[in-house]
Amino acid sequence: MAKLAEFTIKRYRRRNERIWLQAENKAFKDIEIVEGADCQVWGVVAKSIRML
């Protein structure tokens, strides 16, 4: 079960019938979305600016 107090960027992935949120930070696990799961999206990242 995922902790509800943590926010992290995840990428939406879908392959065949499987759907999961892939963590961009390796310190966090991916979350598989299954039928009946309670899931909320709190925002969408449109751009990412990285300092070189």
PDB file of N, CA and C in Angstrom:
ATOM      1  N   MET A   1       0.836  -1.170   0.000  1.00  0.00           N
ATOM      2  CA  MET A   1       0.000   0.000   0.000  1.00  0.00           C
ATOM      3  C   MET A   1       0.888   1.243   0.000  1.00  0.00           C
ATOM      4  N   ALA A   2       0.546   2.216  -0.795  1.00  0.00           N
ATOM      5  CA  ALA A   2       1.322   3.451  -0.897  1.00  0.00           C
ATOM      6  C   ALA A   2       1.016   4.372   0.280  1.00  0.00           C
ATOM      7  N   LYS A   3       2.014   5.136   0.709  1.00  0.00           N
ATOM      8  CA  LYS A   3       1.802   6.133   1.754  1.00  0.00           C
ATOM      9  C   LYS A   3       1.068   7.316   1.151  1.00  0.00           C
ATOM     10  N   LEU A   4       0.065   7.806   1.830  1.00  0.00           N
ATOM     11  CA  LEU A   4      -0.742   8.891   1.292  1.00  0.00           C
ATOM     12  C   LEU A   4      -0.137  10.259   1.528  1.00  0.00           C
ATOM     13  N   ALA A   5       0.830  10.390   2.419  1.00  0.00           N
ATOM     14  CA  ALA A   5       1.391  11.691   2.765  1.00  0.00           C
ATOM     15  C   ALA A   5       2.564  12.085   1.864  1.00  0.00           C
ATOM     16  N   GLU A   6       2.943  11.256   0.922  1.00  0.00           N
ATOM     17  CA  GLU A   6       4.085  11.542   0.065  1.00  0.00           C
ATOM     18  C   GLU A   6       3.630  11.883  -1.351  1.00  0.00           C
ATOM     19  N   PHE A   7       4.271  12.890  -1.921  1.00  0.00           N
ATOM     20  CA  PHE A   7       4.005  13.262  -3.306  1.00  0.00           C
ATOM     21  C   PHE A   7       5.270  13.012  -4.116  1.00  0.00           C
ATOM     22  N   THR A   8       5.097  12.394  -5.265  1.00  0.00           N
ATOM     23  CA  THR A   8       6.229  12.125  -6.140  1.00  0.00           C
ATOM     24  C   THR A   8       5.732  12.098  -7.582  1.00  0.00           C
ATOM     25  N   ILE A   9       6.625  12.362  -8.501  1.00  0.00           N
ATOM     26  CA  ILE A   9       6.249  12.339  -9.918  1.00  0.00           C
ATOM     27  C   ILE A   9       6.268  10.901 -10.403  1.00  0.00           C
ATOM     28  N   LYS A  10       5.184  10.503 -11.031  1.00  0.00           N
ATOM     29  CA  LYS A  10       5.097   9.175 -11.616  1.00  0.00           C
ATOM     30  C   LYS A  10       4.602   9.302 -13.052  1.00  0.00           C
ATOM     31  N   ARG A  11       5.010   8.379 -13.864  1.00  0.00           N
ATOM     32  CA  ARG A  11       4.626   8.351 -15.271  1.00  0.00           C
ATOM     33  C   ARG A  11       3.536   7.301 -15.476  1.00  0.00           C
ATOM     34  N   TYR A  12       2.464   7.666 -16.166  1.00  0.00           N
ATOM     35  CA  TYR A  12       1.359   6.739 -16.459  1.00  0.00           C
ATOM     36  C   TYR A  12       1.819   5.761 -17.523  1.00  0.00           C
ATOM     37  N   ARG A  13       1.699   4.479 -17.231  1.00  0.00           N
ATOM     38  CA  ARG A  13       2.092   3.430 -18.176  1.00  0.00           C
ATOM     39  C   ARG A  13       0.937   2.460 -18.374  1.00  0.00           C
ATOM     40  N   ARG A  14       0.789   1.989 -19.602  1.00  0.00           N
ATOM     41  CA  ARG A  14      -0.232   0.989 -19.907  1.00  0.00           C
ATOM     42  C   ARG A  14       0.329   0.034 -20.948  1.00  0.00           C
ATOM     43  N   ARG A  15       0.219  -1.266 -20.657  1.00  0.00           N
ATOM     44  CA  ARG A  15       0.639  -2.298 -21.605  1.00  0.00           C
ATOM     45  C   ARG A  15      -0.386  -3.407 -21.533  1.00  0.00           C
ATOM     46  N   ASN A  16      -1.059  -3.646 -22.655  1.00  0.00           N
ATOM     47  CA  ASN A  16      -2.153  -4.620 -22.720  1.00  0.00           C
ATOM     48  C   ASN A  16      -3.216  -4.245 -21.697  1.00  0.00           C
ATOM     49  N   GLU A  17      -3.525  -5.118 -20.773  1.00  0.00           N
ATOM     50  CA  GLU A  17      -4.556  -4.856 -19.762  1.00  0.00           C
ATOM     51  C   GLU A  17      -3.979  -4.292 -18.467  1.00  0.00           C
ATOM     52  N   ARG A  18      -2.663  -4.162 -18.370  1.00  0.00           N
ATOM     53  CA  ARG A  18      -2.001  -3.722 -17.133  1.00  0.00           C
ATOM     54  C   ARG A  18      -1.790  -2.209 -17.161  1.00  0.00           C
ATOM     55  N   ILE A  19      -2.118  -1.544 -16.046  1.00  0.00           N
ATOM     56  CA  ILE A  19      -1.905  -0.102 -15.892  1.00  0.00           C
ATOM     57  C   ILE A  19      -1.131   0.127 -14.599  1.00  0.00           C
ATOM     58  N   TRP A  20      -0.082   0.966 -14.655  1.00  0.00           N
ATOM     59  CA  TRP A  20       0.673   1.277 -13.451  1.00  0.00           C
ATOM     60  C   TRP A  20       1.238   2.691 -13.533  1.00  0.00           C
ATOM     61  N   LEU A  21       1.607   3.230 -12.380  1.00  0.00           N
ATOM     62  CA  LEU A  21       2.278   4.513 -12.285  1.00  0.00           C
ATOM     63  C   LEU A  21       3.742   4.220 -12.012  1.00  0.00           C
ATOM     64  N   GLN A  22       4.601   4.609 -12.949  1.00  0.00           N
ATOM     65  CA  GLN A  22       6.030   4.318 -12.851  1.00  0.00           C
ATOM     66  C   GLN A  22       6.723   5.475 -12.150  1.00  0.00           C
ATOM     67  N   ALA A  23       7.403   5.184 -11.057  1.00  0.00           N
ATOM     68  CA  ALA A  23       8.103   6.212 -10.299  1.00  0.00           C
ATOM     69  C   ALA A  23       9.300   6.744 -11.088  1.00  0.00           C
ATOM     70  N   GLU A  24       9.452   8.051 -11.122  1.00  0.00           N
ATOM     71  CA  GLU A  24      10.621   8.661 -11.758  1.00  0.00           C
ATOM     72  C   GLU A  24      11.809   8.651 -10.801  1.00  0.00           C
ATOM     73  N   ASN A  25      11.542   8.612  -9.513  1.00  0.00           N
ATOM     74  CA  ASN A  25      12.578   8.570  -8.494  1.00  0.00           C
ATOM     75  C   ASN A  25      12.749   7.116  -8.066  1.00  0.00           C
ATOM     76  N   LYS A  26      13.945   6.580  -8.189  1.00  0.00           N
ATOM     77  CA  LYS A  26      14.194   5.171  -7.889  1.00  0.00           C
ATOM     78  C   LYS A  26      14.005   4.835  -6.404  1.00  0.00           C
ATOM     79  N   ALA A  27      13.911   5.843  -5.550  1.00  0.00           N
ATOM     80  CA  ALA A  27      13.674   5.612  -4.120  1.00  0.00           C
ATOM     81  C   ALA A  27      12.217   5.211  -3.858  1.00  0.00           C
ATOM     82  N   PHE A  28      11.339   5.380  -4.835  1.00  0.00           N
ATOM     83  CA  PHE A  28       9.922   5.058  -4.695  1.00  0.00           C
ATOM     84  C   PHE A  28       9.564   3.885  -5.600  1.00  0.00           C
ATOM     85  N   LYS A  29       8.594   3.099  -5.159  1.00  0.00           N
ATOM     86  CA  LYS A  29       8.144   1.945  -5.940  1.00  0.00           C
ATOM     87  C   LYS A  29       7.070   2.360  -6.945  1.00  0.00           C
ATOM     88  N   ASP A  30       6.957   1.572  -8.011  1.00  0.00           N
ATOM     89  CA  ASP A  30       5.853   1.747  -8.953  1.00  0.00           C
ATOM     90  C   ASP A  30       4.559   1.326  -8.266  1.00  0.00           C
ATOM     91  N   ILE A  31       3.436   1.861  -8.726  1.00  0.00           N
ATOM     92  CA  ILE A  31       2.137   1.511  -8.162  1.00  0.00           C
ATOM     93  C   ILE A  31       1.276   0.941  -9.279  1.00  0.00           C
ATOM     94  N   GLU A  32       0.872  -0.312  -9.121  1.00  0.00           N
ATOM     95  CA  GLU A  32      -0.018  -0.926 -10.102  1.00  0.00           C
ATOM     96  C   GLU A  32      -1.454  -0.513  -9.786  1.00  0.00           C
ATOM     97  N   ILE A  33      -2.198  -0.117 -10.808  1.00  0.00           N
ATOM     98  CA  ILE A  33      -3.589   0.279 -10.660  1.00  0.00           C
ATOM     99  C   ILE A  33      -4.452  -0.918 -11.039  1.00  0.00           C
ATOM    100  N   VAL A  34      -5.239  -1.382 -10.085  1.00  0.00           N
ATOM    101  CA  VAL A  34      -6.099  -2.538 -10.318  1.00  0.00           C
ATOM    102  C   VAL A  34      -7.558  -2.107 -10.200  1.00  0.00           C
ATOM    103  N   GLU A  35      -8.443  -2.899 -10.764  1.00  0.00           N
ATOM    104  CA  GLU A  35      -9.867  -2.602 -10.709  1.00  0.00           C
ATOM    105  C   GLU A  35     -10.320  -2.456  -9.261  1.00  0.00           C
ATOM    106  N   GLY A  36     -11.056  -1.398  -8.983  1.00  0.00           N
ATOM    107  CA  GLY A  36     -11.550  -1.146  -7.643  1.00  0.00           C
ATOM    108  C   GLY A  36     -10.605  -0.329  -6.783  1.00  0.00           C
ATOM    109  N   ALA A  37      -9.417  -0.009  -7.298  1.00  0.00           N
ATOM    110  CA  ALA A  37      -8.447   0.777  -6.522  1.00  0.00           C
ATOM    111  C   ALA A  37      -8.921   2.223  -6.397  1.00  0.00           C
ATOM    112  N   ASP A  38      -8.654   2.831  -5.247  1.00  0.00           N
ATOM    113  CA  ASP A  38      -8.967   4.238  -5.020  1.00  0.00           C
ATOM    114  C   ASP A  38      -7.731   5.044  -5.399  1.00  0.00           C
ATOM    115  N   CYS A  39      -7.826   5.821  -6.458  1.00  0.00           N
ATOM    116  CA  CYS A  39      -6.669   6.548  -6.983  1.00  0.00           C
ATOM    117  C   CYS A  39      -7.075   7.972  -7.335  1.00  0.00           C
ATOM    118  N   GLN A  40      -6.241   8.942  -6.958  1.00  0.00           N
ATOM    119  CA  GLN A  40      -6.489  10.342  -7.287  1.00  0.00           C
ATOM    120  C   GLN A  40      -5.240  10.947  -7.906  1.00  0.00           C
ATOM    121  N   VAL A  41      -5.414  11.741  -8.949  1.00  0.00           N
ATOM    122  CA  VAL A  41      -4.314  12.492  -9.557  1.00  0.00           C
ATOM    123  C   VAL A  41      -4.411  13.914  -9.024  1.00  0.00           C
ATOM    124  N   TRP A  42      -3.317  14.387  -8.412  1.00  0.00           N
ATOM    125  CA  TRP A  42      -3.321  15.708  -7.788  1.00  0.00           C
ATOM    126  C   TRP A  42      -2.726  16.781  -8.688  1.00  0.00           C
ATOM    127  N   GLY A  43      -2.217  16.424  -9.817  1.00  0.00           N
ATOM    128  CA  GLY A  43      -1.646  17.414 -10.728  1.00  0.00           C
ATOM    129  C   GLY A  43      -1.009  16.726 -11.913  1.00  0.00           C
ATOM    130  N   VAL A  44      -0.688  17.511 -12.921  1.00  0.00           N
ATOM    131  CA  VAL A  44      -0.061  17.005 -14.128  1.00  0.00           C
ATOM    132  C   VAL A  44       1.154  17.870 -14.426  1.00  0.00           C
ATOM    133  N   VAL A  45       2.298  17.234 -14.658  1.00  0.00           N
ATOM    134  CA  VAL A  45       3.518  17.965 -15.002  1.00  0.00           C
ATOM    135  C   VAL A  45       3.507  18.206 -16.500  1.00  0.00           C
ATOM    136  N   ALA A  46       3.543  19.476 -16.896  1.00  0.00           N
ATOM    137  CA  ALA A  46       3.540  19.829 -18.313  1.00  0.00           C
ATOM    138  C   ALA A  46       4.961  20.044 -18.832  1.00  0.00           C
ATOM    139  N   LYS A  47       5.845  20.559 -17.987  1.00  0.00           N
ATOM    140  CA  LYS A  47       7.238  20.805 -18.372  1.00  0.00           C
ATOM    141  C   LYS A  47       8.123  20.569 -17.175  1.00  0.00           C
ATOM    142  N   SER A  48       9.350  20.223 -17.469  1.00  0.00           N
ATOM    143  CA  SER A  48      10.350  20.049 -16.426  1.00  0.00           C
ATOM    144  C   SER A  48      11.595  20.816 -16.820  1.00  0.00           C
ATOM    145  N   ILE A  49      12.035  21.706 -15.972  1.00  0.00           N
ATOM    146  CA  ILE A  49      13.233  22.504 -16.244  1.00  0.00           C
ATOM    147  C   ILE A  49      14.345  21.970 -15.364  1.00  0.00           C
ATOM    148  N   ARG A  50      15.445  21.596 -15.990  1.00  0.00           N
ATOM    149  CA  ARG A  50      16.577  21.038 -15.250  1.00  0.00           C
ATOM    150  C   ARG A  50      17.780  21.960 -15.376  1.00  0.00           C
ATOM    151  N   MET A  51      18.444  22.159 -14.271  1.00  0.00           N
ATOM    152  CA  MET A  51      19.664  22.963 -14.281  1.00  0.00           C
ATOM    153  C   MET A  51      20.832  22.069 -14.700  1.00  0.00           C
ATOM    154  N   LEU A  52      21.606  22.522 -15.660  1.00  0.00           N
ATOM    155  CA  LEU A  52      22.762  21.741 -16.131  1.00  0.00           C
ATOM    156  C   LEU A  52      24.016  22.181 -15.445  1.00  0.00           C
TER     157      LEU A  52
END
